[in-house]
Amino acid sequence: MPQFKVRTEADTRDITADRMEFAEGGVRLYSEGRVVAAFSRYLWAEEVVVKEEPTPVPEAGSNPTPEVTE
């Protein structure tokens, strides 16, 4: 589920929601069609993009390390 950060004058809030919507009166965050957070005063709001580390793929012809079983 996407993560969002909203900076208010008091602090920065981390919110998990499906989507974010900018409205005339502020910003609203929704999850499963319901409002989970709303801010009428905020400095900025953004979606946090989590980059996953790629899984290493062995090169062709390399000898994988055998698993040790006891």
Protein backbone atom coordinates (compact mmCIF):
# COMPACT_ATOMS: atom_id res chain seq x y z
CA MET A 1 0.00 0.00 0.00
CA PRO A 2 1.41 3.44 -0.85
CA GLN A 3 2.91 5.66 1.81
CA PHE A 4 2.44 9.43 1.91
CA LYS A 5 4.11 12.23 3.86
CA VAL A 6 2.25 15.40 4.79
CA ARG A 7 4.11 18.33 6.32
CA THR A 8 2.01 20.53 8.58
CA GLU A 9 3.21 23.55 10.48
CA ALA A 10 3.58 21.39 13.60
CA ASP A 11 5.12 18.17 12.25
CA THR A 12 5.49 15.70 9.39
CA ARG A 13 2.94 12.87 9.30
CA ASP A 14 3.43 9.48 7.63
CA ILE A 15 0.16 8.05 6.34
CA THR A 16 -0.65 4.74 4.64
CA ALA A 17 -3.44 5.15 2.10
CA ASP A 18 -4.53 3.96 -1.35
CA ARG A 19 -4.54 7.43 -2.89
CA MET A 20 -4.19 11.14 -2.21
CA GLU A 21 -6.47 13.85 -3.56
CA PHE A 22 -5.86 17.59 -3.57
CA ALA A 23 -9.16 19.41 -3.01
CA GLU A 24 -10.12 23.06 -2.79
CA GLY A 25 -10.09 22.88 1.00
CA GLY A 26 -6.83 20.94 1.43
CA VAL A 27 -5.61 17.40 0.87
CA ARG A 28 -7.43 14.12 1.58
CA LEU A 29 -6.05 10.59 1.78
CA TYR A 30 -8.26 7.59 1.05
CA SER A 31 -8.09 3.89 1.82
CA GLU A 32 -10.74 1.47 0.57
CA GLY A 33 -12.88 4.43 -0.54
CA ARG A 34 -12.93 6.08 2.88
CA VAL A 35 -11.11 9.19 4.06
CA VAL A 36 -8.34 8.15 6.47
CA ALA A 37 -6.77 11.61 6.84
CA ALA A 38 -7.57 15.16 5.76
CA PHE A 39 -5.59 18.37 6.14
CA SER A 40 -6.91 21.87 5.50
CA ARG A 41 -3.56 23.45 6.38
CA TYR A 42 -0.37 21.83 5.15
CA LEU A 43 2.94 22.94 3.68
CA TRP A 44 3.41 20.02 1.29
CA ALA A 45 2.21 16.49 0.63
CA GLU A 46 3.94 13.76 -1.35
CA GLU A 47 3.86 10.05 -2.10
CA VAL A 48 6.86 8.17 -0.75
CA VAL A 49 8.33 5.93 -3.44
CA VAL A 50 9.98 2.86 -1.93
CA LYS A 51 12.73 1.51 -4.14
CA GLU A 52 13.38 -2.16 -3.66
CA GLU A 53 16.90 -3.49 -4.00
CA PRO A 54 17.18 -5.78 -7.03
CA THR A 55 17.69 -9.46 -6.31
CA PRO A 56 21.14 -10.57 -7.51
CA VAL A 57 20.95 -12.95 -10.45
CA PRO A 58 23.83 -15.39 -10.91
CA GLU A 59 25.70 -14.99 -14.18
CA ALA A 60 25.23 -17.66 -16.83
CA GLY A 61 27.74 -20.47 -16.40
CA SER A 62 28.53 -19.60 -12.78
CA ASN A 63 28.51 -22.30 -10.16
CA PRO A 64 25.88 -21.52 -7.47
CA THR A 65 26.86 -22.21 -3.88
CA PRO A 66 25.27 -25.48 -2.74
CA GLU A 67 23.02 -25.40 0.30
CA VAL A 68 24.41 -27.14 3.36
CA THR A 69 22.04 -29.63 4.96
CA GLU A 70 22.71 -31.24 8.30
